[in-house]
Amino acid sequence: GLLKLHEANIEGDEEIEWELLSDSQDGPVPRAYHSAVHWRGGALVLFGGVTRPGTARSQFGLQVHRDTWILDTETPRPTWSRLPAEFIGTLDGGRCHATASILKDRFLAIAGGCERVAGLQGDDGWIMAGLQVRPDFWSLDLENPQSWQKLLDLDRPAWWDSSSVVIHERTMLIFGGHDSS
């Protein structure tokens, strides 16, 4: 579920309290390596991620998700809504490890991350097995979420996996991350 922090005092030594906001069966399956951003007031937009093999909704190995959800926290009981657009990336799969931003208070922007590749094997644990870094940039109109639009596709490797991307007006800054090597 989601937790809300109450009365946090960064400088003090007061005890931190948490409140469970949503543990709904109507929301997204719990996952890791997803992207999340704050949008308009109290909304949280969640995209993609990975479900560990053997957990609910992922009995057949690594599941890389392609769904997008909005959590409305301004209602008395926070509720999830699944957006109709399914992400169909470069490799026709979901996306994990991507960086998310909001553009012009309307568009969800996804930069980089990894997609699942059939037949690709990894040797560094379950999470990297079968994943390939994607050096591209996509957007989804949150006011009319019918389809994702590819905005940029680099023809060379880039450090877009687990990086930080900041977008300001027409400038994109990429920091950190790693490529697929």
N, C-alpha and C. Protein backbone atom coordinates (compact mmCIF):
# COMPACT_ATOMS: atom_id res chain seq x y z
N GLY A 1 0.81 -1.18 0.00
CA GLY A 1 0.00 0.00 0.00
C GLY A 1 0.85 1.25 0.00
N LEU A 2 0.21 2.37 -0.04
CA LEU A 2 0.89 3.66 -0.01
C LEU A 2 0.81 4.23 1.40
N LEU A 3 1.86 4.88 1.82
CA LEU A 3 1.93 5.46 3.14
C LEU A 3 2.09 6.96 3.03
N LYS A 4 1.48 7.68 3.95
CA LYS A 4 1.60 9.13 3.98
C LYS A 4 2.33 9.52 5.25
N LEU A 5 3.35 10.34 5.11
CA LEU A 5 4.15 10.79 6.24
C LEU A 5 3.44 11.95 6.92
N HIS A 6 3.35 11.89 8.25
CA HIS A 6 2.72 12.95 9.03
C HIS A 6 3.74 13.64 9.91
N GLU A 7 3.64 14.95 9.98
CA GLU A 7 4.40 15.78 10.91
C GLU A 7 5.89 15.45 10.93
N ALA A 8 6.48 15.42 9.78
CA ALA A 8 7.92 15.18 9.73
C ALA A 8 8.65 16.49 10.00
N ASN A 9 9.57 16.46 10.91
CA ASN A 9 10.39 17.62 11.23
C ASN A 9 11.83 17.22 10.95
N ILE A 10 12.36 17.70 9.85
CA ILE A 10 13.68 17.29 9.42
C ILE A 10 14.75 17.68 10.43
N GLU A 11 14.59 18.82 11.09
CA GLU A 11 15.60 19.28 12.01
C GLU A 11 15.42 18.72 13.43
N GLY A 12 14.24 18.25 13.76
CA GLY A 12 13.97 17.79 15.12
C GLY A 12 14.17 16.30 15.29
N ASP A 13 13.85 15.85 16.48
CA ASP A 13 13.99 14.43 16.79
C ASP A 13 12.63 13.80 17.10
N GLU A 14 11.57 14.40 16.54
CA GLU A 14 10.24 13.88 16.77
C GLU A 14 10.05 12.54 16.07
N GLU A 15 9.16 11.74 16.60
CA GLU A 15 8.87 10.44 16.00
C GLU A 15 8.08 10.62 14.70
N ILE A 16 8.42 9.85 13.70
CA ILE A 16 7.74 9.91 12.41
C ILE A 16 6.56 8.96 12.44
N GLU A 17 5.41 9.43 11.96
CA GLU A 17 4.21 8.61 11.89
C GLU A 17 3.80 8.43 10.43
N TRP A 18 3.30 7.23 10.11
CA TRP A 18 2.85 6.91 8.76
C TRP A 18 1.37 6.54 8.81
N GLU A 19 0.69 6.80 7.72
CA GLU A 19 -0.72 6.44 7.59
C GLU A 19 -0.89 5.67 6.28
N LEU A 20 -1.56 4.51 6.34
CA LEU A 20 -1.83 3.73 5.14
C LEU A 20 -2.90 4.45 4.33
N LEU A 21 -2.58 4.81 3.08
CA LEU A 21 -3.53 5.53 2.24
C LEU A 21 -4.36 4.60 1.37
N SER A 22 -3.73 3.60 0.78
CA SER A 22 -4.46 2.76 -0.16
C SER A 22 -3.87 1.35 -0.13
N ASP A 23 -4.73 0.39 0.05
CA ASP A 23 -4.34 -1.01 -0.04
C ASP A 23 -5.40 -1.72 -0.87
N SER A 24 -5.80 -1.06 -1.94
CA SER A 24 -6.92 -1.50 -2.76
C SER A 24 -6.53 -2.61 -3.72
N GLN A 25 -7.44 -3.55 -3.91
CA GLN A 25 -7.26 -4.60 -4.92
C GLN A 25 -7.52 -4.05 -6.32
N ASP A 26 -8.07 -2.82 -6.40
CA ASP A 26 -8.38 -2.21 -7.69
C ASP A 26 -7.22 -1.42 -8.28
N GLY A 27 -6.11 -1.38 -7.57
CA GLY A 27 -4.96 -0.63 -8.04
C GLY A 27 -3.94 -1.51 -8.73
N PRO A 28 -2.77 -0.95 -9.01
CA PRO A 28 -1.72 -1.73 -9.68
C PRO A 28 -1.16 -2.80 -8.76
N VAL A 29 -0.65 -3.86 -9.37
CA VAL A 29 0.02 -4.91 -8.61
C VAL A 29 1.29 -4.30 -8.01
N PRO A 30 1.65 -4.67 -6.77
CA PRO A 30 2.90 -4.16 -6.19
C PRO A 30 4.08 -4.50 -7.10
N ARG A 31 5.01 -3.56 -7.22
CA ARG A 31 6.11 -3.72 -8.16
C ARG A 31 7.33 -2.94 -7.73
N ALA A 32 8.43 -3.18 -8.42
CA ALA A 32 9.69 -2.47 -8.18
C ALA A 32 10.15 -1.85 -9.49
N TYR A 33 11.11 -0.95 -9.42
CA TYR A 33 11.75 -0.34 -10.58
C TYR A 33 10.75 0.37 -11.50
N HIS A 34 9.66 0.87 -10.91
CA HIS A 34 8.65 1.65 -11.63
C HIS A 34 9.05 3.12 -11.61
N SER A 35 8.28 3.95 -12.28
CA SER A 35 8.47 5.39 -12.28
C SER A 35 7.23 6.03 -11.69
N ALA A 36 7.41 7.08 -10.90
CA ALA A 36 6.28 7.77 -10.30
C ALA A 36 6.58 9.26 -10.21
N VAL A 37 5.55 10.07 -10.46
CA VAL A 37 5.68 11.53 -10.37
C VAL A 37 4.42 12.11 -9.74
N HIS A 38 4.58 13.29 -9.16
CA HIS A 38 3.46 14.05 -8.61
C HIS A 38 2.85 14.86 -9.75
N TRP A 39 1.50 14.94 -9.76
CA TRP A 39 0.83 15.70 -10.82
C TRP A 39 -0.39 16.40 -10.25
N ARG A 40 -0.53 17.68 -10.51
CA ARG A 40 -1.71 18.49 -10.18
C ARG A 40 -2.30 18.21 -8.80
N GLY A 41 -1.90 18.93 -7.85
CA GLY A 41 -2.46 18.80 -6.51
C GLY A 41 -1.99 17.55 -5.81
N GLY A 42 -2.88 16.59 -5.66
CA GLY A 42 -2.55 15.40 -4.90
C GLY A 42 -2.53 14.12 -5.71
N ALA A 43 -2.26 14.19 -7.00
CA ALA A 43 -2.25 12.98 -7.82
C ALA A 43 -0.84 12.42 -7.94
N LEU A 44 -0.76 11.10 -7.95
CA LEU A 44 0.48 10.39 -8.18
C LEU A 44 0.29 9.59 -9.46
N VAL A 45 1.21 9.77 -10.41
CA VAL A 45 1.16 9.01 -11.66
C VAL A 45 2.23 7.94 -11.59
N LEU A 46 1.84 6.68 -11.82
CA LEU A 46 2.74 5.54 -11.74
C LEU A 46 2.82 4.87 -13.11
N PHE A 47 4.04 4.52 -13.52
CA PHE A 47 4.22 3.90 -14.83
C PHE A 47 5.18 2.72 -14.74
N GLY A 48 4.84 1.64 -15.43
CA GLY A 48 5.74 0.51 -15.64
C GLY A 48 6.22 -0.17 -14.38
N GLY A 49 7.42 -0.74 -14.46
CA GLY A 49 8.00 -1.45 -13.33
C GLY A 49 8.07 -2.94 -13.57
N VAL A 50 8.49 -3.67 -12.54
CA VAL A 50 8.73 -5.10 -12.65
C VAL A 50 8.07 -5.83 -11.49
N THR A 51 7.49 -6.98 -11.80
CA THR A 51 6.99 -7.89 -10.78
C THR A 51 7.94 -9.06 -10.69
N ARG A 52 8.34 -9.39 -9.49
CA ARG A 52 9.29 -10.48 -9.27
C ARG A 52 8.63 -11.82 -9.64
N PRO A 53 9.38 -12.73 -10.25
CA PRO A 53 8.83 -14.04 -10.61
C PRO A 53 8.24 -14.76 -9.39
N GLY A 54 7.12 -15.43 -9.62
CA GLY A 54 6.48 -16.21 -8.57
C GLY A 54 5.52 -15.43 -7.70
N THR A 55 5.37 -14.13 -7.94
CA THR A 55 4.42 -13.33 -7.17
C THR A 55 3.12 -13.25 -7.94
N ALA A 56 2.11 -12.70 -7.30
CA ALA A 56 0.80 -12.58 -7.93
C ALA A 56 0.91 -11.91 -9.29
N ARG A 57 0.20 -12.41 -10.27
CA ARG A 57 0.14 -11.89 -11.63
C ARG A 57 1.45 -12.05 -12.39
N SER A 58 2.40 -12.84 -11.89
CA SER A 58 3.66 -13.05 -12.60
C SER A 58 4.19 -14.45 -12.35
N GLN A 59 3.41 -15.46 -12.66
CA GLN A 59 3.81 -16.83 -12.40
C GLN A 59 4.81 -17.37 -13.41
N PHE A 60 4.99 -16.70 -14.53
CA PHE A 60 5.80 -17.25 -15.61
C PHE A 60 7.10 -16.47 -15.84
N GLY A 61 7.69 -15.98 -14.80
CA GLY A 61 8.97 -15.28 -14.93
C GLY A 61 8.82 -13.78 -14.83
N LEU A 62 9.89 -13.09 -15.18
CA LEU A 62 9.96 -11.64 -15.08
C LEU A 62 8.84 -10.96 -15.85
N GLN A 63 8.07 -10.12 -15.17
CA GLN A 63 6.99 -9.38 -15.82
C GLN A 63 7.36 -7.90 -15.81
N VAL A 64 7.58 -7.34 -16.99
CA VAL A 64 7.84 -5.92 -17.12
C VAL A 64 6.53 -5.27 -17.54
N HIS A 65 6.04 -4.34 -16.72
CA HIS A 65 4.71 -3.77 -16.92
C HIS A 65 4.71 -2.62 -17.91
N ARG A 66 3.59 -2.44 -18.60
CA ARG A 66 3.41 -1.38 -19.59
C ARG A 66 2.24 -0.47 -19.24
N ASP A 67 1.71 -0.61 -18.03
CA ASP A 67 0.53 0.14 -17.63
C ASP A 67 0.87 1.47 -16.96
N THR A 68 -0.13 2.38 -16.96
CA THR A 68 0.00 3.69 -16.32
C THR A 68 -1.23 3.89 -15.43
N TRP A 69 -1.00 4.34 -14.20
CA TRP A 69 -2.05 4.52 -13.21
C TRP A 69 -1.98 5.91 -12.60
N ILE A 70 -3.13 6.43 -12.15
CA ILE A 70 -3.17 7.68 -11.40
C ILE A 70 -3.84 7.39 -10.06
N LEU A 71 -3.19 7.84 -8.98
CA LEU A 71 -3.77 7.74 -7.65
C LEU A 71 -4.23 9.13 -7.25
N ASP A 72 -5.53 9.28 -7.00
CA ASP A 72 -6.11 10.54 -6.55
C ASP A 72 -6.10 10.54 -5.03
N THR A 73 -5.23 11.34 -4.43
CA THR A 73 -5.13 11.38 -2.96
C THR A 73 -5.96 12.50 -2.35
N GLU A 74 -6.69 13.25 -3.18
CA GLU A 74 -7.48 14.36 -2.66
C GLU A 74 -8.91 13.96 -2.31
N THR A 75 -9.26 12.71 -2.50
CA THR A 75 -10.58 12.21 -2.11
C THR A 75 -10.48 11.64 -0.70
N PRO A 76 -11.62 11.51 0.02
CA PRO A 76 -11.55 10.96 1.38
C PRO A 76 -10.89 9.58 1.43
N ARG A 77 -11.14 8.77 0.42
CA ARG A 77 -10.47 7.47 0.32
C ARG A 77 -9.73 7.46 -1.02
N PRO A 78 -8.39 7.57 -1.00
CA PRO A 78 -7.63 7.62 -2.26
C PRO A 78 -7.98 6.46 -3.19
N THR A 79 -8.12 6.78 -4.48
CA THR A 79 -8.51 5.77 -5.45
C THR A 79 -7.56 5.75 -6.64
N TRP A 80 -7.35 4.55 -7.17
CA TRP A 80 -6.53 4.33 -8.36
C TRP A 80 -7.41 4.32 -9.60
N SER A 81 -6.89 4.85 -10.71
CA SER A 81 -7.53 4.77 -12.02
C SER A 81 -6.47 4.33 -13.02
N ARG A 82 -6.78 3.31 -13.80
CA ARG A 82 -5.85 2.86 -14.83
C ARG A 82 -6.14 3.63 -16.11
N LEU A 83 -5.10 4.18 -16.73
CA LEU A 83 -5.26 4.91 -17.97
C LEU A 83 -5.37 3.93 -19.13
N PRO A 84 -6.13 4.29 -20.18
CA PRO A 84 -6.36 3.35 -21.28
C PRO A 84 -5.14 3.07 -22.15
N ALA A 85 -4.19 3.98 -22.21
CA ALA A 85 -3.04 3.79 -23.10
C ALA A 85 -2.07 2.77 -22.53
N GLU A 86 -1.74 1.77 -23.33
CA GLU A 86 -0.73 0.78 -22.97
C GLU A 86 0.56 1.19 -23.67
N PHE A 87 1.66 1.16 -22.93
CA PHE A 87 2.95 1.50 -23.52
C PHE A 87 3.41 0.35 -24.41
N ILE A 88 3.62 0.62 -25.69
CA ILE A 88 4.15 -0.37 -26.63
C ILE A 88 5.48 0.19 -27.09
N GLY A 89 6.52 -0.11 -26.36
CA GLY A 89 7.83 0.48 -26.62
C GLY A 89 8.49 -0.04 -27.88
N THR A 90 9.74 0.24 -27.99
CA THR A 90 10.53 -0.15 -29.14
C THR A 90 10.50 -1.66 -29.34
N LEU A 91 10.54 -2.41 -28.24
CA LEU A 91 10.59 -3.86 -28.31
C LEU A 91 9.24 -4.51 -28.01
N ASP A 92 8.16 -3.72 -28.13
CA ASP A 92 6.81 -4.22 -27.92
C ASP A 92 6.63 -4.80 -26.51
N GLY A 93 7.20 -4.11 -25.54
CA GLY A 93 7.06 -4.57 -24.16
C GLY A 93 6.93 -3.42 -23.21
N GLY A 94 6.88 -3.75 -21.93
CA GLY A 94 6.80 -2.73 -20.89
C GLY A 94 8.13 -2.05 -20.68
N ARG A 95 8.21 -1.28 -19.61
CA ARG A 95 9.42 -0.51 -19.34
C ARG A 95 9.65 -0.46 -17.83
N CYS A 96 10.90 -0.59 -17.43
CA CYS A 96 11.29 -0.44 -16.03
C CYS A 96 12.57 0.39 -15.96
N HIS A 97 12.93 0.87 -14.78
CA HIS A 97 14.14 1.69 -14.58
C HIS A 97 14.09 3.01 -15.34
N ALA A 98 12.94 3.45 -15.81
CA ALA A 98 12.84 4.70 -16.57
C ALA A 98 12.73 5.89 -15.63
N THR A 99 13.08 7.05 -16.14
CA THR A 99 12.91 8.30 -15.41
C THR A 99 11.63 8.96 -15.90
N ALA A 100 10.84 9.49 -14.98
CA ALA A 100 9.58 10.14 -15.35
C ALA A 100 9.59 11.61 -14.96
N SER A 101 8.94 12.43 -15.76
CA SER A 101 8.78 13.86 -15.51
C SER A 101 7.41 14.28 -16.02
N ILE A 102 6.95 15.42 -15.54
CA ILE A 102 5.73 16.02 -16.07
C ILE A 102 6.13 17.23 -16.90
N LEU A 103 5.62 17.30 -18.14
CA LEU A 103 5.90 18.43 -19.04
C LEU A 103 4.65 19.29 -19.18
N LYS A 104 4.82 20.59 -19.07
CA LYS A 104 3.75 21.55 -19.31
C LYS A 104 2.49 21.23 -18.51
N ASP A 105 2.65 20.64 -17.33
CA ASP A 105 1.55 20.29 -16.43
C ASP A 105 0.49 19.42 -17.11
N ARG A 106 0.90 18.66 -18.12
CA ARG A 106 -0.07 17.86 -18.86
C ARG A 106 0.46 16.52 -19.36
N PHE A 107 1.75 16.46 -19.71
CA PHE A 107 2.30 15.28 -20.35
C PHE A 107 3.21 14.50 -19.40
N LEU A 108 3.01 13.19 -19.33
CA LEU A 108 3.93 12.32 -18.63
C LEU A 108 5.05 11.99 -19.60
N ALA A 109 6.29 12.27 -19.23
CA ALA A 109 7.44 11.99 -20.08
C ALA A 109 8.26 10.87 -19.46
N ILE A 110 8.62 9.89 -20.27
CA ILE A 110 9.42 8.75 -19.83
C ILE A 110 10.72 8.78 -20.62
N ALA A 111 11.84 8.75 -19.90
CA ALA A 111 13.15 8.76 -20.55
C ALA A 111 13.91 7.51 -20.17
N GLY A 112 14.45 6.83 -21.18
CA GLY A 112 15.31 5.68 -20.95
C GLY A 112 14.63 4.52 -20.27
N GLY A 113 15.44 3.78 -19.51
CA GLY A 113 14.95 2.58 -18.83
C GLY A 113 15.25 1.33 -19.64
N CYS A 114 14.61 0.24 -19.25
CA CYS A 114 14.85 -1.07 -19.88
C CYS A 114 13.56 -1.70 -20.35
N GLU A 115 13.67 -2.47 -21.42
CA GLU A 115 12.56 -3.29 -21.91
C GLU A 115 13.01 -4.74 -21.91
N ARG A 116 12.04 -5.64 -21.83
CA ARG A 116 12.32 -7.08 -21.86
C ARG A 116 12.60 -7.52 -23.28
N VAL A 117 13.61 -8.36 -23.44
CA VAL A 117 13.99 -8.87 -24.76
C VAL A 117 13.92 -10.39 -24.70
N ALA A 118 13.10 -10.99 -25.52
CA ALA A 118 13.00 -12.45 -25.56
C ALA A 118 14.33 -13.05 -25.95
N GLY A 119 14.77 -14.07 -25.22
CA GLY A 119 16.00 -14.77 -25.53
C GLY A 119 17.25 -14.16 -24.94
N LEU A 120 17.17 -12.92 -24.40
CA LEU A 120 18.34 -12.28 -23.80
C LEU A 120 18.48 -12.77 -22.37
N GLN A 121 19.63 -13.29 -22.01
CA GLN A 121 19.87 -13.82 -20.67
C GLN A 121 20.83 -12.93 -19.92
N GLY A 122 20.58 -12.76 -18.63
CA GLY A 122 21.48 -11.99 -17.77
C GLY A 122 22.05 -12.89 -16.70
N ASP A 123 23.20 -12.52 -16.15
CA ASP A 123 23.81 -13.35 -15.12
C ASP A 123 23.92 -12.62 -13.79
N ASP A 124 23.30 -11.47 -13.67
CA ASP A 124 23.43 -10.70 -12.43
C ASP A 124 22.09 -10.59 -11.69
N GLY A 125 21.39 -11.72 -11.56
CA GLY A 125 20.16 -11.73 -10.77
C GLY A 125 18.91 -11.64 -11.62
N TRP A 126 17.78 -11.84 -10.97
CA TRP A 126 16.50 -11.92 -11.67
C TRP A 126 16.13 -10.62 -12.36
N ILE A 127 16.49 -9.49 -11.80
CA ILE A 127 15.97 -8.23 -12.32
C ILE A 127 16.60 -7.85 -13.66
N MET A 128 17.85 -8.19 -13.90
CA MET A 128 18.48 -7.79 -15.14
C MET A 128 18.38 -8.85 -16.24
N ALA A 129 17.93 -10.04 -15.89
CA ALA A 129 17.83 -11.10 -16.90
C ALA A 129 16.84 -10.70 -17.98
N GLY A 130 17.30 -10.65 -19.20
CA GLY A 130 16.41 -10.38 -20.33
C GLY A 130 16.05 -8.93 -20.53
N LEU A 131 16.77 -7.99 -19.93
CA LEU A 131 16.45 -6.57 -20.09
C LEU A 131 17.49 -5.87 -20.96
N GLN A 132 17.02 -4.91 -21.76
CA GLN A 132 17.92 -4.14 -22.61
C GLN A 132 17.63 -2.66 -22.41
N VAL A 133 18.70 -1.87 -22.25
CA VAL A 133 18.57 -0.42 -22.07
C VAL A 133 18.05 0.20 -23.36
N ARG A 134 17.11 1.13 -23.23
CA ARG A 134 16.52 1.80 -24.39
C ARG A 134 16.82 3.30 -24.32
N PRO A 135 17.61 3.83 -25.23
CA PRO A 135 17.94 5.26 -25.24
C PRO A 135 16.90 6.07 -26.00
N ASP A 136 15.71 6.20 -25.41
CA ASP A 136 14.65 6.93 -26.09
C ASP A 136 13.83 7.74 -25.10
N PHE A 137 12.87 8.50 -25.63
CA PHE A 137 12.09 9.45 -24.84
C PHE A 137 10.66 9.44 -25.37
N TRP A 138 9.67 9.22 -24.46
CA TRP A 138 8.27 9.07 -24.84
C TRP A 138 7.41 10.03 -24.02
N SER A 139 6.20 10.34 -24.52
CA SER A 139 5.26 11.15 -23.74
C SER A 139 3.84 10.60 -23.89
N LEU A 140 3.06 10.87 -22.84
CA LEU A 140 1.64 10.49 -22.82
C LEU A 140 0.85 11.71 -22.34
N ASP A 141 -0.15 12.11 -23.11
CA ASP A 141 -1.01 13.23 -22.75
C ASP A 141 -1.96 12.74 -21.64
N LEU A 142 -1.79 13.24 -20.42
CA LEU A 142 -2.59 12.77 -19.29
C LEU A 142 -4.04 13.27 -19.33
N GLU A 143 -4.30 14.32 -20.13
CA GLU A 143 -5.67 14.80 -20.29
C GLU A 143 -6.43 14.01 -21.36
N ASN A 144 -5.71 13.34 -22.24
CA ASN A 144 -6.30 12.52 -23.30
C ASN A 144 -5.37 11.31 -23.52
N PRO A 145 -5.33 10.38 -22.56
CA PRO A 145 -4.33 9.30 -22.57
C PRO A 145 -4.67 8.13 -23.49
N GLN A 146 -4.68 8.40 -24.80
CA GLN A 146 -5.03 7.35 -25.74
C GLN A 146 -3.83 6.59 -26.29
N SER A 147 -2.69 7.27 -26.47
CA SER A 147 -1.51 6.58 -27.00
C SER A 147 -0.24 7.33 -26.61
N TRP A 148 0.84 6.57 -26.49
CA TRP A 148 2.16 7.11 -26.22
C TRP A 148 2.77 7.62 -27.52
N GLN A 149 3.56 8.68 -27.45
CA GLN A 149 4.24 9.25 -28.61
C GLN A 149 5.74 9.21 -28.37
N LYS A 150 6.49 8.66 -29.32
CA LYS A 150 7.95 8.69 -29.22
C LYS A 150 8.43 10.06 -29.66
N LEU A 151 9.22 10.72 -28.79
CA LEU A 151 9.72 12.05 -29.08
C LEU A 151 11.17 12.05 -29.53
N LEU A 152 11.94 11.05 -29.08
CA LEU A 152 13.36 11.03 -29.37
C LEU A 152 13.84 9.59 -29.32
N ASP A 153 14.70 9.22 -30.26
CA ASP A 153 15.31 7.90 -30.28
C ASP A 153 16.76 8.08 -30.69
N LEU A 154 17.68 7.81 -29.77
CA LEU A 154 19.10 7.95 -30.08
C LEU A 154 19.59 6.72 -30.82
N ASP A 155 20.47 6.92 -31.79
CA ASP A 155 20.99 5.80 -32.57
C ASP A 155 22.32 5.29 -32.00
N ARG A 156 22.66 5.72 -30.82
CA ARG A 156 23.87 5.25 -30.16
C ARG A 156 23.56 4.92 -28.71
N PRO A 157 24.36 4.07 -28.06
CA PRO A 157 24.11 3.75 -26.65
C PRO A 157 24.20 5.00 -25.78
N ALA A 158 23.43 5.02 -24.75
CA ALA A 158 23.45 6.14 -23.80
C ALA A 158 23.26 5.59 -22.39
N TRP A 159 23.54 6.40 -21.41
CA TRP A 159 23.41 5.97 -20.02
C TRP A 159 22.02 6.33 -19.52
N TRP A 160 21.02 5.66 -20.04
CA TRP A 160 19.64 5.99 -19.75
C TRP A 160 18.99 5.04 -18.76
N ASP A 161 19.69 4.02 -18.31
CA ASP A 161 19.12 3.10 -17.33
C ASP A 161 19.47 3.60 -15.93
N SER A 162 18.45 3.79 -15.10
CA SER A 162 18.63 4.23 -13.72
C SER A 162 19.31 5.59 -13.63
N SER A 163 19.09 6.44 -14.61
CA SER A 163 19.66 7.78 -14.59
C SER A 163 18.63 8.76 -14.04
N SER A 164 19.05 9.99 -13.84
CA SER A 164 18.14 11.08 -13.49
C SER A 164 18.04 11.99 -14.69
N VAL A 165 16.83 12.34 -15.05
CA VAL A 165 16.61 13.23 -16.19
C VAL A 165 15.75 14.39 -15.72
N VAL A 166 16.22 15.61 -15.99
CA VAL A 166 15.46 16.81 -15.67
C VAL A 166 15.16 17.51 -16.98
N ILE A 167 13.92 17.93 -17.14
CA ILE A 167 13.50 18.60 -18.37
C ILE A 167 13.03 20.00 -17.99
N HIS A 168 13.63 20.99 -18.63
CA HIS A 168 13.22 22.38 -18.41
C HIS A 168 13.06 23.03 -19.77
N GLU A 169 11.84 23.45 -20.06
CA GLU A 169 11.49 24.03 -21.36
C GLU A 169 11.95 23.10 -22.47
N ARG A 170 12.96 23.46 -23.25
CA ARG A 170 13.40 22.62 -24.37
C ARG A 170 14.77 21.98 -24.12
N THR A 171 15.16 21.90 -22.84
CA THR A 171 16.45 21.33 -22.48
C THR A 171 16.27 20.08 -21.63
N MET A 172 16.97 19.01 -22.00
CA MET A 172 16.95 17.77 -21.24
C MET A 172 18.34 17.53 -20.66
N LEU A 173 18.44 17.38 -19.34
CA LEU A 173 19.71 17.10 -18.68
C LEU A 173 19.68 15.68 -18.16
N ILE A 174 20.70 14.89 -18.49
CA ILE A 174 20.80 13.49 -18.06
C ILE A 174 22.00 13.37 -17.14
N PHE A 175 21.80 12.76 -15.97
CA PHE A 175 22.89 12.59 -15.03
C PHE A 175 22.94 11.13 -14.54
N GLY A 176 24.13 10.57 -14.50
CA GLY A 176 24.31 9.23 -13.94
C GLY A 176 23.75 8.15 -14.84
N GLY A 177 23.43 7.01 -14.22
CA GLY A 177 22.90 5.87 -14.95
C GLY A 177 24.00 5.03 -15.56
N HIS A 178 23.60 4.02 -16.33
CA HIS A 178 24.56 3.17 -17.03
C HIS A 178 23.96 2.66 -18.31
N ASP A 179 24.83 2.19 -19.20
CA ASP A 179 24.34 1.64 -20.46
C ASP A 179 24.21 0.13 -20.31
N SER A 180 24.00 -0.56 -21.39
CA SER A 180 23.74 -2.00 -21.31
C SER A 180 25.00 -2.84 -21.27
N SER A 181 26.19 -2.22 -21.20
CA SER A 181 27.42 -3.01 -21.17
C SER A 181 27.78 -3.46 -19.76
